[in-house]
Protein backbone atom coordinates (compact mmCIF):
# COMPACT_ATOMS: atom_id res chain seq x y z
CA MET A 1 11.35 5.01 23.80
CA LYS A 2 9.72 8.10 25.31
CA THR A 3 6.98 9.82 23.34
CA GLY A 4 8.81 13.16 23.21
CA LEU A 5 11.92 11.56 21.73
CA ARG A 6 9.85 9.63 19.21
CA VAL A 7 8.17 12.85 18.09
CA GLN A 8 11.53 14.64 17.76
CA LEU A 9 13.01 11.90 15.61
CA SER A 10 9.83 11.58 13.54
CA VAL A 11 9.87 15.31 12.72
CA MET A 12 13.52 15.00 11.70
CA MET A 13 12.71 12.11 9.36
CA PHE A 14 9.70 13.97 7.91
CA PHE A 15 11.81 16.93 6.78
CA GLN A 16 14.80 14.73 5.84
CA PHE A 17 12.76 13.16 3.05
CA PHE A 18 10.45 16.13 2.38
CA ILE A 19 13.39 18.10 1.03
CA TRP A 20 14.62 15.18 -1.07
CA GLY A 21 11.19 14.49 -2.57
CA ALA A 22 10.61 18.21 -3.25
CA TRP A 23 13.30 18.37 -5.97
CA TYR A 24 14.04 14.75 -6.88
CA SER A 25 10.57 14.01 -8.26
CA MET A 26 10.43 17.04 -10.58
CA ILE A 27 13.96 18.01 -11.62
CA ALA A 28 13.87 16.14 -14.94
CA VAL A 29 10.64 17.90 -15.97
CA PHE A 30 12.14 21.30 -15.05
CA MET A 31 15.31 20.57 -17.03
CA SER A 32 13.37 19.42 -20.10
CA LYS A 33 11.34 22.61 -19.99
CA ASN A 34 14.58 24.62 -19.91
CA GLY A 35 16.24 22.97 -22.92
CA MET A 36 18.23 20.31 -21.04
CA GLU A 37 16.23 17.23 -22.13
CA LYS A 38 19.38 15.24 -22.99
CA LEU A 39 20.98 16.06 -19.64
CA THR A 40 18.21 14.87 -17.33
CA HIS A 41 20.25 11.91 -16.11
CA TRP A 42 22.89 14.24 -14.62
CA PRO A 43 21.02 15.16 -11.40
CA PHE A 44 20.74 11.40 -10.85
CA THR A 45 24.48 11.14 -11.47
CA VAL A 46 25.67 13.94 -9.16
CA ASN A 47 23.44 12.53 -6.42
CA PRO A 48 25.32 9.21 -6.33
CA ILE A 49 28.67 10.99 -6.71
CA ALA A 50 27.77 12.78 -3.49
CA ALA A 51 26.77 9.46 -1.93
CA ILE A 52 30.25 8.14 -2.74
CA VAL A 53 31.77 11.13 -0.96
CA ALA A 54 29.44 10.76 2.05
CA PRO A 55 31.18 7.84 3.84
CA PHE A 56 34.52 9.68 3.71
CA PHE A 57 32.91 12.67 5.35
CA VAL A 58 31.03 10.64 7.95
CA GLY A 59 34.05 8.51 8.80
CA LEU A 60 36.35 11.51 9.18
CA ILE A 61 34.06 14.10 10.79
CA ALA A 62 30.85 12.72 12.27
CA ASP A 63 32.30 9.60 13.86
CA ARG A 64 35.27 11.38 15.48
CA TYR A 65 35.12 15.10 16.09
CA PHE A 66 31.65 16.63 16.30
CA ASN A 67 28.27 15.66 17.65
CA THR A 68 26.17 14.07 14.93
CA GLU A 69 23.22 16.45 15.35
CA LYS A 70 25.50 19.49 14.86
CA VAL A 71 27.00 18.09 11.68
CA LEU A 72 23.50 17.29 10.44
CA GLY A 73 22.32 20.86 11.04
CA THR A 74 25.33 22.50 9.44
CA LEU A 75 25.08 20.40 6.28
CA HIS A 76 21.38 21.07 5.79
CA ILE A 77 21.87 24.84 6.12
CA LEU A 78 24.74 24.85 3.60
CA GLY A 79 22.76 22.65 1.24
CA GLY A 80 19.78 24.99 1.42
CA LEU A 81 21.96 27.90 0.37
CA PHE A 82 23.33 25.99 -2.64
CA MET A 83 19.82 24.96 -3.71
CA PHE A 84 18.57 28.54 -3.45
CA PHE A 85 21.00 29.66 -6.18
CA THR A 86 20.50 26.60 -8.44
CA PRO A 87 17.40 27.75 -10.41
CA SER A 88 19.12 31.00 -11.44
CA MET A 89 21.61 28.91 -13.43
CA ALA A 90 18.99 27.14 -15.57
CA GLY A 91 20.39 28.91 -18.65
CA ASN A 92 23.89 27.58 -17.92
CA PRO A 93 23.72 23.76 -17.79
CA VAL A 94 27.25 23.28 -16.43
CA ALA A 95 26.75 25.72 -13.55
CA PHE A 96 23.27 24.29 -12.90
CA ILE A 97 24.60 20.75 -12.57
CA LEU A 98 27.60 21.83 -10.48
CA LEU A 99 25.31 23.59 -8.01
CA LEU A 100 23.20 20.43 -7.79
CA LEU A 101 26.42 18.53 -7.10
CA ALA A 102 27.32 20.96 -4.29
CA TYR A 103 23.85 20.60 -2.81
CA ASN A 104 24.01 16.82 -2.92
CA ILE A 105 27.48 16.72 -1.36
CA CYS A 106 25.87 18.48 1.61
CA TYR A 107 22.71 16.35 1.60
CA MET A 108 23.87 12.77 1.11
CA PRO A 109 25.94 12.47 4.32
CA THR A 110 22.81 13.47 6.24
CA MET A 111 21.14 10.20 5.22
CA SER A 112 23.44 8.11 7.39
CA LEU A 113 23.70 10.83 10.05
CA ALA A 114 19.91 10.87 10.53
CA ASN A 115 19.89 7.07 10.82
CA THR A 116 22.77 7.21 13.32
CA ILE A 117 20.87 9.65 15.54
CA CYS A 118 17.86 7.32 15.51
CA PHE A 119 19.78 4.10 16.13
CA HIS A 120 21.78 5.73 18.95
CA LYS A 121 18.59 6.01 20.99
CA MET A 122 17.08 2.61 20.11
CA ASN A 123 17.42 -0.77 21.73
CA ASP A 124 15.18 -2.68 19.30
CA GLN A 125 15.82 -1.36 15.80
CA GLU A 126 13.58 -3.69 13.79
CA LYS A 127 10.57 -2.75 15.92
CA GLN A 128 11.26 0.93 16.63
CA PHE A 129 12.93 2.23 13.46
CA PRO A 130 10.13 1.55 10.92
CA GLY A 131 7.63 3.54 12.99
CA ILE A 132 9.93 6.57 12.89
CA ARG A 133 11.25 6.12 9.36
CA VAL A 134 7.68 6.05 8.03
CA PHE A 135 7.46 9.79 8.72
CA GLY A 136 10.21 10.28 6.13
CA THR A 137 7.93 8.64 3.59
CA ILE A 138 5.06 10.87 4.68
CA GLY A 139 7.35 13.88 4.19
CA TRP A 140 8.08 12.80 0.60
CA ILE A 141 4.34 12.41 -0.05
CA VAL A 142 3.52 15.83 1.39
CA ALA A 143 6.21 17.43 -0.80
CA GLY A 144 4.70 15.90 -3.94
CA LEU A 145 1.17 16.92 -3.00
CA ILE A 146 2.25 20.50 -2.28
CA ILE A 147 3.96 20.72 -5.68
CA SER A 148 0.94 19.41 -7.59
CA PHE A 149 -1.90 21.04 -5.67
CA VAL A 150 -0.48 24.13 -3.90
CA LEU A 151 2.46 25.48 -5.89
CA VAL A 152 0.53 25.04 -9.13
CA LYS A 153 -1.76 27.86 -7.96
CA PHE A 154 1.19 30.26 -8.17
CA VAL A 155 2.32 29.47 -11.72
CA THR A 156 1.21 30.73 -15.11
CA PRO A 157 -1.98 28.96 -16.29
CA GLY A 158 -1.09 26.06 -18.57
CA LEU A 159 2.21 25.33 -16.82
CA LYS A 160 2.85 22.49 -14.39
CA ALA A 161 4.48 23.45 -11.10
CA GLU A 162 7.18 20.87 -11.90
CA GLU A 163 8.18 22.98 -14.91
CA THR A 164 8.99 25.97 -12.70
CA ALA A 165 11.64 26.77 -10.09
CA LEU A 166 9.15 26.91 -7.19
CA PRO A 167 9.82 23.34 -5.96
CA LEU A 168 13.56 24.07 -5.88
CA TYR A 169 13.01 27.17 -3.75
CA MET A 170 10.74 25.13 -1.48
CA THR A 171 13.57 22.61 -1.11
CA ALA A 172 16.00 25.36 -0.13
CA VAL A 173 13.72 26.82 2.54
CA ALA A 174 12.85 23.42 4.03
CA SER A 175 16.53 22.44 4.11
CA ILE A 176 17.50 25.53 6.07
CA LEU A 177 14.62 24.99 8.50
CA LEU A 178 15.65 21.38 9.07
CA GLY A 179 19.22 22.54 9.62
CA LEU A 180 18.11 24.88 12.40
CA TYR A 181 15.87 22.21 13.91
CA SER A 182 18.71 19.68 13.93
CA PHE A 183 20.52 21.61 16.64
CA THR A 184 17.62 20.78 19.00
CA LEU A 185 17.91 17.02 18.45
CA PRO A 186 19.19 14.63 21.15
CA THR A 187 22.91 14.91 21.82
CA THR A 188 24.70 12.21 19.84
CA PRO A 189 28.43 12.31 20.63
CA PRO A 190 30.99 11.07 18.10
CA PRO A 191 31.26 7.33 18.81
CA ALA A 192 34.93 7.04 17.81
CA ALA A 193 36.18 10.23 19.52
CA GLY A 194 39.85 10.01 20.41
CA LYS A 195 40.46 7.01 18.18
CA LYS A 196 43.30 7.07 15.70
CA VAL A 197 42.29 8.35 12.28
CA SER A 198 43.37 6.16 9.38
CA ALA A 199 42.57 5.92 5.72
CA ARG A 200 41.18 2.43 6.35
CA SER A 201 38.60 3.72 8.79
CA ILE A 202 37.73 6.81 6.74
CA ILE A 203 36.84 4.82 3.61
CA GLY A 204 34.95 2.21 5.60
CA ILE A 205 37.39 -0.70 5.43
CA ASP A 206 37.06 -1.19 9.21
CA ALA A 207 33.30 -1.50 8.84
CA PHE A 208 33.69 -3.75 5.79
CA LYS A 209 36.02 -6.10 7.67
CA GLN A 210 33.87 -6.31 10.79
CA LEU A 211 30.71 -6.88 8.81
CA GLY A 212 32.43 -9.35 6.51
CA SER A 213 30.88 -12.76 5.94
CA PRO A 214 29.87 -14.63 2.77
CA SER A 215 26.24 -13.64 3.21
CA PHE A 216 27.16 -9.98 3.77
CA TYR A 217 29.31 -9.88 0.64
CA ILE A 218 26.43 -11.30 -1.41
CA PHE A 219 24.09 -8.73 0.13
CA LEU A 220 26.50 -5.92 -0.72
CA LEU A 221 26.99 -7.10 -4.31
CA SER A 222 23.25 -7.57 -4.82
CA SER A 223 22.58 -4.11 -3.38
CA PHE A 224 24.99 -2.62 -5.91
CA LEU A 225 23.51 -4.54 -8.83
CA ILE A 226 19.84 -3.85 -8.04
CA CYS A 227 20.57 -0.10 -7.94
CA ILE A 228 21.56 -0.16 -11.61
CA PRO A 229 17.98 -0.78 -12.85
CA LEU A 230 16.65 1.30 -9.94
CA SER A 231 18.22 4.40 -11.52
CA ALA A 232 15.97 4.07 -14.56
CA TYR A 233 12.88 4.53 -12.38
CA TYR A 234 14.09 7.62 -10.59
CA THR A 235 15.55 9.19 -13.72
CA TYR A 236 12.85 8.65 -16.34
CA THR A 237 9.48 7.98 -14.73
CA GLN A 238 8.86 11.75 -14.68
CA GLN A 239 9.28 12.04 -18.46
CA PHE A 240 7.26 8.85 -19.02
CA LEU A 241 4.31 10.29 -17.08
CA GLU A 242 4.65 13.67 -18.75
CA GLN A 243 4.58 12.16 -22.24
CA GLY A 244 1.51 10.16 -21.23
CA ASN A 245 -0.18 13.43 -20.25
CA PHE A 246 -0.71 12.24 -16.71
CA PRO A 247 -1.84 15.21 -14.60
CA ASN A 248 -0.10 16.14 -11.35
CA ILE A 249 3.11 14.24 -11.97
CA SER A 250 4.61 14.76 -8.51
CA ALA A 251 1.36 13.77 -6.80
CA THR A 252 1.03 10.69 -9.02
CA GLN A 253 4.49 9.52 -8.03
CA THR A 254 3.57 9.78 -4.35
CA LEU A 255 1.46 6.65 -4.85
CA GLY A 256 4.78 4.88 -4.37
CA GLN A 257 5.42 6.63 -1.08
CA ALA A 258 1.85 5.98 0.09
CA SER A 259 2.41 2.25 -0.34
CA GLU A 260 5.82 2.68 1.29
CA THR A 261 4.05 4.06 4.36
CA LEU A 262 1.79 1.01 4.55
CA PHE A 263 4.57 -1.51 4.17
CA MET A 264 6.81 0.36 6.61
CA LEU A 265 4.18 -0.11 9.29
CA VAL A 266 3.88 -3.87 8.67
CA MET A 267 7.63 -4.43 8.50
CA PRO A 268 8.01 -5.54 12.17
CA PHE A 269 5.45 -8.29 11.55
CA MET A 270 7.03 -9.32 8.26
CA PHE A 271 10.49 -9.62 9.85
CA ALA A 272 9.16 -12.30 12.19
CA ARG A 273 7.41 -14.22 9.40
CA LEU A 274 9.73 -13.94 6.42
CA GLY A 275 13.22 -13.52 7.85
CA ILE A 276 15.96 -11.37 6.36
CA LYS A 277 16.44 -13.30 3.12
CA TRP A 278 12.85 -13.38 1.96
CA MET A 279 12.25 -9.75 2.94
CA LEU A 280 15.10 -8.84 0.58
CA VAL A 281 13.82 -11.23 -2.11
CA ALA A 282 10.35 -9.65 -1.98
CA GLY A 283 11.91 -6.21 -2.42
CA MET A 284 13.92 -7.21 -5.48
CA GLY A 285 11.02 -9.15 -6.97
CA ALA A 286 8.88 -6.03 -6.80
CA TRP A 287 11.41 -4.22 -9.01
CA VAL A 288 11.02 -6.87 -11.70
CA LEU A 289 7.23 -6.65 -11.58
CA ARG A 290 7.26 -2.84 -11.61
CA TYR A 291 9.29 -2.55 -14.81
CA ALA A 292 7.29 -5.32 -16.47
CA LEU A 293 4.08 -3.41 -15.71
CA PHE A 294 5.58 -0.20 -17.15
CA ALA A 295 6.62 -2.05 -20.31
CA LEU A 296 3.28 -3.79 -20.75
CA GLY A 297 1.36 -0.58 -20.03
CA ALA A 298 3.40 1.73 -22.26
CA PRO A 299 1.93 1.07 -25.77
CA GLU A 300 -1.65 1.93 -24.82
CA LEU A 301 -0.78 3.97 -21.71
CA THR A 302 -2.73 1.48 -19.61
CA SER A 303 -3.24 3.56 -16.49
CA TRP A 304 -3.83 0.78 -13.97
CA MET A 305 -0.57 -0.95 -14.94
CA ILE A 306 1.43 2.27 -14.64
CA PHE A 307 -0.22 3.20 -11.33
CA ALA A 308 0.36 -0.33 -10.02
CA GLY A 309 4.02 -0.13 -11.03
CA ILE A 310 4.42 3.12 -9.11
CA ALA A 311 2.54 1.73 -6.09
CA LEU A 312 4.97 -1.21 -5.87
CA HIS A 313 7.56 1.25 -4.57
CA GLY A 314 6.53 0.38 -1.01
CA ILE A 315 7.75 -3.18 -1.33
CA CYS A 316 10.68 -2.21 -3.56
CA TYR A 317 12.10 0.30 -1.10
CA ASP A 318 11.02 -0.94 2.35
CA PHE A 319 11.68 -4.62 1.92
CA PHE A 320 15.10 -4.13 0.38
CA PHE A 321 16.64 -0.83 1.41
CA VAL A 322 15.17 -0.28 4.87
CA THR A 323 15.65 -3.97 5.66
CA GLY A 324 19.24 -3.61 4.46
CA GLN A 325 19.87 -0.61 6.73
CA ILE A 326 18.59 -2.53 9.75
CA TYR A 327 20.58 -5.61 8.75
CA VAL A 328 23.81 -3.60 8.54
CA ASP A 329 23.17 -1.78 11.82
CA LYS A 330 22.53 -5.05 13.65
CA LYS A 331 25.81 -6.47 12.42
CA ALA A 332 27.87 -3.38 13.25
CA ASN A 333 29.73 -2.64 16.48
CA VAL A 334 28.54 0.59 18.11
CA GLU A 335 31.83 2.35 17.26
CA ILE A 336 31.44 1.93 13.51
CA ARG A 337 27.70 2.25 13.07
CA GLY A 338 28.13 5.62 11.33
CA GLN A 339 30.70 4.10 8.98
CA ALA A 340 28.48 1.07 8.41
CA GLN A 341 25.49 3.18 7.38
CA GLY A 342 27.82 5.26 5.20
CA LEU A 343 29.14 2.09 3.59
CA ILE A 344 25.73 0.87 2.49
CA ILE A 345 24.86 4.32 1.12
CA PHE A 346 28.22 4.32 -0.70
CA VAL A 347 27.40 1.02 -2.40
CA THR A 348 23.73 1.68 -3.20
CA TYR A 349 22.97 5.37 -3.61
CA GLY A 350 26.61 5.91 -4.55
CA VAL A 351 28.30 3.46 -6.91
CA GLY A 352 25.17 1.54 -7.92
CA MET A 353 23.07 4.59 -8.75
CA LEU A 354 26.02 6.30 -10.46
CA VAL A 355 26.57 3.37 -12.81
CA GLY A 356 22.82 2.98 -13.29
CA ALA A 357 22.20 6.66 -14.10
CA GLN A 358 24.93 6.71 -16.72
CA ILE A 359 23.71 3.48 -18.34
CA ALA A 360 20.09 4.68 -18.27
CA GLY A 361 21.16 8.01 -19.78
CA MET A 362 23.06 6.34 -22.62
CA VAL A 363 20.16 3.99 -23.40
CA TYR A 364 17.57 6.79 -23.25
CA ASN A 365 19.60 9.13 -25.45
CA SER A 366 20.23 6.33 -27.95
CA TYR A 367 16.46 5.88 -28.29
CA LEU A 368 15.87 9.66 -28.29
CA GLY A 369 18.18 10.58 -31.16
CA ASN A 370 17.20 14.02 -32.40
CA ALA A 371 13.65 13.82 -31.06
CA LYS A 372 12.28 15.57 -27.97
CA THR A 373 10.55 12.52 -26.48
CA LEU A 374 10.39 8.75 -26.96
CA THR A 375 7.53 7.06 -28.79
CA LEU A 376 5.33 4.73 -26.73
CA GLY A 377 6.90 1.74 -28.49
CA GLN A 378 10.35 2.99 -27.52
CA TRP A 379 9.21 3.38 -23.91
CA GLN A 380 8.11 -0.26 -23.92
CA SER A 381 11.53 -1.42 -25.13
CA PHE A 382 13.22 0.91 -22.65
CA TRP A 383 11.37 -0.48 -19.60
CA TRP A 384 11.95 -4.13 -20.53
CA LEU A 385 15.72 -3.66 -20.10
CA PRO A 386 15.71 -2.90 -16.33
CA ALA A 387 13.05 -5.60 -15.83
CA ILE A 388 15.33 -8.26 -17.31
CA PHE A 389 18.38 -6.99 -15.42
CA ALA A 390 16.53 -6.92 -12.08
CA ALA A 391 15.26 -10.47 -12.70
CA GLY A 392 18.84 -11.66 -13.11
CA VAL A 393 19.90 -10.04 -9.82
CA LEU A 394 16.90 -11.60 -8.07
CA LEU A 395 17.75 -15.13 -9.24
CA PHE A 396 21.39 -14.66 -8.25
CA PHE A 397 20.43 -13.51 -4.75
CA ILE A 398 17.96 -16.35 -4.17
CA ALA A 399 20.54 -18.93 -5.19
CA ILE A 400 23.52 -17.59 -3.20
CA PHE A 401 22.39 -15.64 -0.10
CA LYS A 402 22.10 -17.92 2.94
CA GLU A 403 21.63 -15.74 6.05
CA LYS A 404 17.99 -15.93 7.13
CA LYS A 405 17.93 -14.30 10.57
CA LEU A 406 19.00 -10.87 11.73
CA PRO A 407 22.35 -10.98 13.53
CA VAL A 408 22.71 -9.47 17.00
CA ILE A 409 26.35 -8.32 17.00
CA GLY A 410 25.40 -4.67 17.40
CA LYS A 411 23.66 -5.19 20.75
């Protein structure tokens, strides 16, 4: 791959995840500050609802009618406009959440579209993709550092930047800029242009059938199940850190993305040594350990345990989700790669995270009662639940999944 192309795609990935990290890592703190403490699971519910919609959009539009880079740009610009108006609705929870839904409906299809643009130009995904995708992780880190160490200089003394609307406005501006930049990306024509449109292809049944095998079905089911406990991390780590009086919440959470950067860079070597199955096992095992560390560290707010749990995000995310994206792309025919990436987002960030966010919200609110925050003992009990669930998924996957090598159908 030429250096200029690598730089273009790396910049795209940087901003793709910068704008996600800019709001996702602080929204619960902002909502709690604005009297919505019992509704903080809703941003993490509308996000997966949008992920469920995304494959329909990708299958109908991006794969058939318009160049991928143009669809990517248009969606980011629209999303930026929705996010710009979101903070003004903080006093109206329904309107606030609906605007977040509109933003996410624009954003979530761009996840698979960005991957499609990258994979379209690659001939060796497991070696080339991690080196580009790592810039997405760097983008998330930079967003968190800006919130904690730059935006905080513009807020009232005594407030955290996460408690204000500034990160949401930063998200809006960055989204619009990425939208404009997307129109300069390499031309990526619709791979299924001229093909007959059917409900089967729009909802991803074509991709599901082509990818179908016993090992793939187990992978898909495990991906869905592991996202249920995953939701608890994304939804409530912010409040957990805030109650523990950890400074610079957004920056603290970037420890996870820093480790993600490291493990992204070693992924090509780990593929050769571990194989597909044990890469996925390592990712799921890290989820179990993370929640166990949170639970054990909660009563005394043992900092090293909590920091270590956050830092495990590199293995959690890279070894399961990025490995899964590469696995799916390698199995998919070139004509359905967009659908295939949409399918895995549908199952994970869509259905899995939707179910997980609602379950996490019900459990959290049952502990919360009429209080404003959980006690440290309640946090310990809360974190043990996803640890036990993730351990069950891990044992199921180890026992049933058999495919050990990356397939080569997509070549």
